[in-house]
Amino acid sequence: MTNQPNTEAVMAALRTVQEPELHKDLVTLNMIHDLQIDGETVSLTVMLTTPACPLKGKMEQDIRDALAPIPGVQNIHVRFDASIRSDNRITGQLQLPIKNIIAVASGKGGVGKSTVSVNLAVALAQTGAKVGLLDADITGPNIPQMLGVAKMPAPQNQKLIPAQAYGLQFMSMGFMLKPDQAAIWRGPMLHSAIRQLFTDVAWTDIDYMIVDLPPGTGDAQLSLAQSTPLTGAIIVSTPQDIALADARRGLTAFQQLQVPILGIVENMSYFIAPDTGNRYDIFGFGGAERAAKELSVPFLGRLPLDPRAREGSDQGTPIVVSAPDSEIARSFRDIAQQLAAQVSLLSFRPDPQLKII
């Protein structure tokens, strides 16, 4: 007579399976849901901490390897769902339907920060996450052009309605300025504008809000950190020493503001000549990864220099949409997954001073 598997044996086996990013077992992390045992068949749902999890295939294989030796188990059905962590300070302080706010910053201009912000946001949305993008670069609001949207919807119920493109909700001061109009604002005005872009907009159920900041370490960074609970920040840099020196200052500024650093992205890391396939390290190579190691922060990945990314920004089509099979698009998707994993990790390495729940 065939032995029938039981719940205790199945759960004991699942305690041997670790979540690859969080380094804890699936049972301890409360990721096992809807466990059902029907004769020789075991069915379960793994509740991921992000739909962008890059290692679902490994987890499924580890689950099958753990359950297969149990006497009586012949069939194993594994499903995946996702429940993204929520930084409860956001709903507590701002009463906004936003789970996580992630600042994208750079120590200096010209490193492609806005291009990174747009493509990371779209890449996260492509995983099934609900994503918002806030253009907080008040003095250079380019996001509407980069997403191909000329104007936002009409206000409703005394709230601004975010524009939508490529699965994103987004808002920008660029919608409110005339073409070529400069925004020359002092600190208090900047502080008020950034806060209003959060509180006066009818955002809807956002898992990740990506905030594109102006370059440097000025009023915008300080205003955002003081007025808004930031889940974390990422720093964009190019490989050369000058850019990295500025990136280090930007990173240190966020650390002084007690904002967790989710990682560093190296943009324009190398160039592959389309006619020969030869690789050129135009701005050097690997500097951002070395800096991440020295500063003990995650290195999220590197992005090649690809003229199509610039063309897509000018034409309003992010490269993860216009050339999804390109090397740079794959790199953007990998970095988006690493970013989501770092946000998930915050749930399991809380800093009491930051009061992240």
Protein backbone atom coordinates (compact mmCIF):
# COMPACT_ATOMS: atom_id res chain seq x y z
CA MET A 1 0.00 0.00 0.00
CA THR A 2 1.40 3.40 -0.99
CA ASN A 3 2.34 5.73 1.84
CA GLN A 4 0.34 8.94 1.88
CA PRO A 5 2.35 12.15 2.39
CA ASN A 6 1.28 14.33 5.28
CA THR A 7 1.46 18.05 5.99
CA GLU A 8 4.16 17.72 8.65
CA ALA A 9 6.53 15.89 6.31
CA VAL A 10 5.91 18.34 3.48
CA MET A 11 6.49 21.41 5.67
CA ALA A 12 9.63 19.88 7.15
CA ALA A 13 10.99 19.35 3.65
CA LEU A 14 10.11 22.91 2.64
CA ARG A 15 12.08 24.23 5.62
CA THR A 16 15.20 23.06 3.77
CA VAL A 17 14.47 25.30 0.77
CA GLN A 18 15.97 28.78 0.98
CA GLU A 19 14.85 31.93 -0.80
CA PRO A 20 18.02 32.68 -2.81
CA GLU A 21 18.02 36.44 -2.19
CA LEU A 22 16.80 36.54 1.41
CA HIS A 23 18.79 33.50 2.59
CA LYS A 24 16.04 32.20 4.83
CA ASP A 25 13.82 29.17 4.32
CA LEU A 26 10.42 29.50 2.67
CA VAL A 27 8.49 28.41 5.75
CA THR A 28 10.19 30.89 8.08
CA LEU A 29 9.52 33.64 5.53
CA ASN A 30 5.84 32.63 5.42
CA MET A 31 6.03 32.21 1.65
CA ILE A 32 4.15 28.89 1.48
CA HIS A 33 0.42 29.35 0.87
CA ASP A 34 -2.52 27.17 -0.18
CA LEU A 35 -0.76 23.90 0.59
CA GLN A 36 -2.95 20.98 -0.49
CA ILE A 37 -2.26 17.25 -0.39
CA ASP A 38 -4.54 15.10 -2.50
CA GLY A 39 -3.39 11.48 -2.50
CA GLU A 40 -0.02 11.43 -4.24
CA THR A 41 -0.24 15.07 -5.37
CA VAL A 42 1.19 18.04 -3.45
CA SER A 43 0.11 21.51 -4.58
CA LEU A 44 1.29 24.81 -3.14
CA THR A 45 1.68 28.50 -3.89
CA VAL A 46 4.92 30.36 -3.26
CA MET A 47 4.17 33.97 -2.33
CA LEU A 48 7.12 35.96 -3.67
CA THR A 49 8.18 39.28 -2.20
CA THR A 50 8.18 40.76 -5.71
CA PRO A 51 6.88 39.68 -9.11
CA ALA A 52 10.31 40.67 -10.44
CA CYS A 53 12.00 37.78 -8.59
CA PRO A 54 14.75 36.57 -10.97
CA LEU A 55 15.17 33.12 -9.39
CA LYS A 56 11.70 31.55 -9.58
CA GLY A 57 13.04 28.69 -11.69
CA LYS A 58 15.69 27.81 -9.11
CA MET A 59 13.15 27.99 -6.27
CA GLU A 60 10.74 25.70 -8.08
CA GLN A 61 13.47 23.15 -8.78
CA ASP A 62 14.66 23.28 -5.13
CA ILE A 63 11.06 22.69 -3.98
CA ARG A 64 10.70 19.70 -6.28
CA ASP A 65 14.05 18.28 -5.13
CA ALA A 66 13.00 18.67 -1.47
CA LEU A 67 9.53 17.10 -1.86
CA ALA A 68 10.34 14.26 -4.29
CA PRO A 69 11.99 11.97 -1.66
CA ILE A 70 8.93 12.05 0.62
CA PRO A 71 7.24 8.63 0.51
CA GLY A 72 4.04 8.74 -1.48
CA VAL A 73 4.73 12.00 -3.36
CA GLN A 74 4.35 11.43 -7.09
CA ASN A 75 3.10 14.76 -8.44
CA ILE A 76 4.20 18.28 -7.41
CA HIS A 77 2.38 21.41 -8.55
CA VAL A 78 4.07 24.74 -7.75
CA ARG A 79 2.40 28.08 -8.41
CA PHE A 80 3.80 31.58 -7.86
CA ASP A 81 2.14 34.76 -6.68
CA ALA A 82 3.58 37.97 -5.25
CA SER A 83 2.97 40.25 -2.30
CA ILE A 84 5.31 43.24 -2.31
CA ARG A 85 6.60 44.60 1.00
CA SER A 86 5.20 47.93 2.07
CA ASP A 87 7.04 50.74 3.79
CA ASN A 88 4.31 51.58 6.30
CA ARG A 89 5.75 55.03 6.97
CA ILE A 90 4.37 56.14 3.59
CA THR A 91 0.75 55.33 4.38
CA GLY A 92 1.23 56.50 7.96
CA GLN A 93 2.71 59.91 7.18
CA LEU A 94 1.34 60.75 3.74
CA GLN A 95 -1.79 58.56 3.50
CA LEU A 96 -0.82 57.57 -0.04
CA PRO A 97 -1.54 54.25 -1.80
CA ILE A 98 2.19 53.74 -2.40
CA LYS A 99 4.14 50.82 -0.97
CA ASN A 100 7.71 51.93 -1.69
CA ILE A 101 9.39 55.17 -2.79
CA ILE A 102 12.76 54.78 -4.49
CA ALA A 103 14.91 57.81 -5.33
CA VAL A 104 17.18 57.67 -8.39
CA ALA A 105 20.05 60.09 -7.98
CA SER A 106 23.45 60.98 -9.35
CA GLY A 107 26.28 63.08 -8.05
CA LYS A 108 26.58 64.96 -11.33
CA GLY A 109 24.67 65.57 -14.54
CA GLY A 110 25.22 63.83 -17.85
CA VAL A 111 25.31 60.25 -16.56
CA GLY A 112 21.93 59.19 -17.99
CA LYS A 113 20.02 59.21 -14.72
CA SER A 114 16.63 60.04 -16.27
CA THR A 115 17.07 57.38 -18.95
CA VAL A 116 17.84 54.88 -16.19
CA SER A 117 14.81 56.02 -14.17
CA VAL A 118 12.41 55.64 -17.11
CA ASN A 119 13.67 52.27 -18.30
CA LEU A 120 13.87 50.80 -14.79
CA ALA A 121 10.30 51.91 -14.11
CA VAL A 122 9.04 50.35 -17.35
CA ALA A 123 11.07 47.18 -16.72
CA LEU A 124 9.49 46.83 -13.26
CA ALA A 125 6.03 47.34 -14.76
CA GLN A 126 6.77 44.62 -17.32
CA THR A 127 7.18 42.13 -14.46
CA GLY A 128 3.60 42.77 -13.36
CA ALA A 129 4.33 45.29 -10.62
CA LYS A 130 2.29 48.49 -10.33
CA VAL A 131 4.75 51.30 -10.90
CA GLY A 132 4.69 55.08 -10.64
CA LEU A 133 7.30 57.52 -11.91
CA LEU A 134 7.68 60.99 -10.42
CA ASP A 135 9.78 63.53 -12.28
CA ALA A 136 11.25 65.51 -9.38
CA ASP A 137 13.94 67.06 -11.57
CA ILE A 138 12.10 70.38 -11.25
CA THR A 139 14.66 72.40 -13.22
CA GLY A 140 14.94 69.87 -16.07
CA PRO A 141 11.69 67.90 -16.29
CA ASN A 142 12.24 65.64 -19.32
CA ILE A 143 10.16 62.60 -18.41
CA PRO A 144 7.05 63.58 -20.48
CA GLN A 145 9.15 63.76 -23.65
CA MET A 146 10.94 60.52 -22.80
CA LEU A 147 7.58 58.76 -22.46
CA GLY A 148 5.99 60.44 -25.46
CA VAL A 149 3.19 62.23 -23.59
CA ALA A 150 2.60 65.93 -24.24
CA LYS A 151 -0.03 66.70 -21.60
CA MET A 152 -1.60 65.16 -18.52
CA PRO A 153 -5.32 64.37 -18.11
CA ALA A 154 -7.72 66.99 -16.80
CA PRO A 155 -7.92 67.27 -12.98
CA GLN A 156 -10.75 65.54 -11.16
CA ASN A 157 -12.14 66.21 -7.68
CA GLN A 158 -9.45 68.81 -7.02
CA LYS A 159 -6.71 66.27 -7.71
CA LEU A 160 -4.19 66.06 -10.51
CA ILE A 161 -4.58 62.89 -12.56
CA PRO A 162 -1.29 61.18 -13.44
CA ALA A 163 -0.48 60.55 -17.07
CA GLN A 164 -0.02 56.96 -18.22
CA ALA A 165 2.36 55.28 -20.64
CA TYR A 166 3.87 51.81 -20.98
CA GLY A 167 2.09 50.57 -17.87
CA LEU A 168 3.25 53.48 -15.70
CA GLN A 169 1.48 56.23 -13.83
CA PHE A 170 3.67 59.33 -13.96
CA MET A 171 3.70 63.00 -13.12
CA SER A 172 6.09 65.81 -13.98
CA MET A 173 6.43 69.52 -13.43
CA GLY A 174 7.07 69.59 -17.17
CA PHE A 175 3.31 69.34 -17.69
CA MET A 176 2.85 72.64 -15.84
CA LEU A 177 5.59 74.70 -17.46
CA LYS A 178 5.50 76.33 -20.87
CA PRO A 179 8.05 75.03 -23.40
CA ASP A 180 11.48 76.50 -22.66
CA GLN A 181 10.21 78.01 -19.39
CA ALA A 182 12.79 77.78 -16.62
CA ALA A 183 11.83 76.91 -13.04
CA ILE A 184 14.01 79.13 -10.87
CA TRP A 185 12.94 78.32 -7.35
CA ARG A 186 14.35 78.75 -3.90
CA GLY A 187 14.46 75.89 -1.41
CA PRO A 188 11.04 76.38 0.27
CA MET A 189 9.26 76.50 -3.12
CA LEU A 190 11.09 73.38 -4.24
CA HIS A 191 10.19 71.59 -1.02
CA SER A 192 6.51 72.47 -1.45
CA ALA A 193 6.46 71.46 -5.13
CA ILE A 194 7.96 68.02 -4.49
CA ARG A 195 5.55 67.30 -1.66
CA GLN A 196 2.57 68.42 -3.76
CA LEU A 197 3.60 66.12 -6.59
CA PHE A 198 2.94 63.34 -4.11
CA THR A 199 -0.05 64.57 -2.15
CA ASP A 200 -2.03 66.49 -4.79
CA VAL A 201 -1.96 63.69 -7.37
CA ALA A 202 -4.51 60.85 -7.51
CA TRP A 203 -2.01 57.99 -7.48
CA THR A 204 -3.54 54.50 -7.53
CA ASP A 205 -2.15 51.37 -5.81
CA ILE A 206 1.56 51.70 -6.55
CA ASP A 207 4.08 49.02 -5.56
CA TYR A 208 7.17 50.99 -6.56
CA MET A 209 7.31 54.77 -6.99
CA ILE A 210 10.49 55.71 -8.86
CA VAL A 211 11.54 59.32 -8.23
CA ASP A 212 13.89 60.90 -10.76
CA LEU A 213 15.88 63.53 -8.86
CA PRO A 214 17.97 66.37 -10.27
CA PRO A 215 21.73 65.72 -10.22
CA GLY A 216 23.87 66.75 -7.28
CA THR A 217 23.22 66.96 -3.55
CA GLY A 218 21.14 70.10 -3.28
CA ASP A 219 17.72 71.23 -2.11
CA ALA A 220 15.74 68.62 -4.05
CA GLN A 221 17.45 65.68 -2.34
CA LEU A 222 17.10 67.29 1.08
CA SER A 223 13.47 68.26 0.46
CA LEU A 224 12.52 64.78 -0.73
CA ALA A 225 14.19 63.05 2.21
CA GLN A 226 12.64 65.44 4.73
CA SER A 227 9.12 65.49 3.33
CA THR A 228 8.75 61.91 2.13
CA PRO A 229 9.60 58.56 3.73
CA LEU A 230 12.10 57.12 1.25
CA THR A 231 12.36 53.34 1.13
CA GLY A 232 15.79 53.74 -0.39
CA ALA A 233 17.92 55.32 -3.10
CA ILE A 234 20.00 54.15 -6.01
CA ILE A 235 22.98 56.04 -7.40
CA VAL A 236 23.71 56.21 -11.14
CA SER A 237 27.29 56.80 -12.26
CA THR A 238 29.54 56.33 -15.26
CA PRO A 239 32.81 54.42 -14.78
CA GLN A 240 35.34 57.28 -14.82
CA ASP A 241 36.92 58.58 -11.63
CA ILE A 242 35.41 62.09 -11.81
CA ALA A 243 31.86 60.77 -12.05
CA LEU A 244 32.53 58.25 -9.29
CA ALA A 245 33.84 60.93 -6.96
CA ASP A 246 30.57 62.83 -7.39
CA ALA A 247 28.55 59.63 -7.01
CA ARG A 248 30.28 58.92 -3.71
CA ARG A 249 29.24 62.35 -2.46
CA GLY A 250 25.67 61.71 -3.53
CA LEU A 251 25.69 58.35 -1.78
CA THR A 252 27.13 59.84 1.40
CA ALA A 253 24.47 62.55 1.38
CA PHE A 254 21.68 59.97 1.44
CA GLN A 255 23.43 58.03 4.19
CA GLN A 256 23.61 61.21 6.27
CA LEU A 257 19.86 61.61 5.71
CA GLN A 258 19.41 58.01 6.94
CA VAL A 259 18.11 56.79 3.59
CA PRO A 260 19.13 53.18 2.80
CA ILE A 261 21.28 52.79 -0.31
CA LEU A 262 19.73 50.10 -2.49
CA GLY A 263 22.66 50.03 -4.87
CA ILE A 264 24.82 51.62 -7.55
CA VAL A 265 24.23 51.37 -11.30
CA GLU A 266 27.10 51.84 -13.75
CA ASN A 267 25.75 53.48 -16.91
CA MET A 268 27.62 53.86 -20.24
CA SER A 269 29.83 51.06 -19.00
CA TYR A 270 31.10 49.97 -22.42
CA PHE A 271 30.29 50.25 -26.14
CA ILE A 272 29.87 47.41 -28.63
CA ALA A 273 30.57 48.63 -32.17
CA PRO A 274 27.64 47.46 -34.32
CA ASP A 275 29.79 47.00 -37.44
CA THR A 276 32.63 44.96 -35.90
CA GLY A 277 31.29 43.69 -32.58
CA ASN A 278 34.40 45.04 -30.87
CA ARG A 279 34.03 46.30 -27.33
CA TYR A 280 35.34 49.69 -26.23
CA ASP A 281 35.53 50.91 -22.62
CA ILE A 282 35.10 54.57 -23.56
CA PHE A 283 34.78 55.88 -19.99
CA GLY A 284 36.81 53.16 -18.32
CA PHE A 285 35.23 50.04 -16.84
CA GLY A 286 34.21 48.64 -13.49
CA GLY A 287 34.67 51.76 -11.41
CA ALA A 288 31.13 51.74 -10.01
CA GLU A 289 31.40 48.09 -9.00
CA ARG A 290 34.69 48.77 -7.20
CA ALA A 291 33.14 51.77 -5.46
CA ALA A 292 30.16 49.67 -4.36
CA LYS A 293 32.50 47.11 -2.81
CA GLU A 294 34.54 49.79 -1.05
CA LEU A 295 31.39 51.44 0.31
CA SER A 296 29.71 48.11 1.20
CA VAL A 297 26.59 48.80 -0.85
CA PRO A 298 25.04 46.54 -3.52
CA PHE A 299 26.17 46.78 -7.12
CA LEU A 300 23.01 46.46 -9.18
CA GLY A 301 24.60 46.09 -12.59
CA ARG A 302 26.11 47.82 -15.61
CA LEU A 303 24.51 49.23 -18.74
CA PRO A 304 26.24 49.47 -22.13
CA LEU A 305 26.37 52.67 -24.16
CA ASP A 306 23.75 52.21 -26.88
CA PRO A 307 22.71 55.04 -29.23
CA ARG A 308 19.22 53.54 -29.42
CA ALA A 309 18.66 54.43 -25.76
CA ARG A 310 19.22 58.11 -26.62
CA GLU A 311 17.05 57.82 -29.71
CA GLY A 312 14.27 56.21 -27.68
CA SER A 313 14.43 58.98 -25.10
CA ASP A 314 14.13 61.63 -27.80
CA GLN A 315 11.26 59.82 -29.53
CA GLY A 316 9.30 58.89 -26.41
CA THR A 317 9.90 55.13 -26.58
CA PRO A 318 12.05 53.55 -23.83
CA ILE A 319 14.55 51.04 -25.17
CA VAL A 320 13.12 48.23 -23.03
CA VAL A 321 10.05 48.65 -25.27
CA SER A 322 11.59 49.55 -28.64
CA ALA A 323 14.41 46.98 -28.54
CA PRO A 324 13.44 44.44 -25.86
CA ASP A 325 15.98 41.85 -27.03
CA SER A 326 18.94 44.25 -27.02
CA GLU A 327 21.76 43.81 -24.54
CA ILE A 328 20.94 47.09 -22.80
CA ALA A 329 17.25 46.13 -22.43
CA ARG A 330 18.22 42.80 -20.88
CA SER A 331 20.56 44.69 -18.54
CA PHE A 332 17.76 47.04 -17.51
CA ARG A 333 15.51 44.07 -16.71
CA ASP A 334 18.26 42.41 -14.67
CA ILE A 335 18.87 45.62 -12.71
CA ALA A 336 15.14 46.04 -12.10
CA GLN A 337 15.04 42.54 -10.64
CA GLN A 338 18.05 43.25 -8.44
CA LEU A 339 16.46 46.50 -7.27
CA ALA A 340 13.22 44.72 -6.36
CA ALA A 341 15.23 42.11 -4.45
CA GLN A 342 16.99 44.83 -2.45
CA VAL A 343 13.63 46.39 -1.53
CA SER A 344 12.45 42.96 -0.36
CA LEU A 345 15.58 42.52 1.73
CA LEU A 346 14.75 45.64 3.74
CA SER A 347 11.95 43.70 5.41
CA PHE A 348 14.50 41.34 6.90
CA ARG A 349 17.29 43.71 7.84
CA PRO A 350 15.39 46.52 9.58
CA ASP A 351 17.21 49.49 11.04
CA PRO A 352 15.27 50.61 14.15
CA GLN A 353 16.41 54.17 13.53
CA LEU A 354 14.68 54.13 10.15
CA LYS A 355 11.50 52.55 11.51
CA ILE A 356 10.94 50.48 8.39
CA ILE A 357 8.33 47.82 9.07
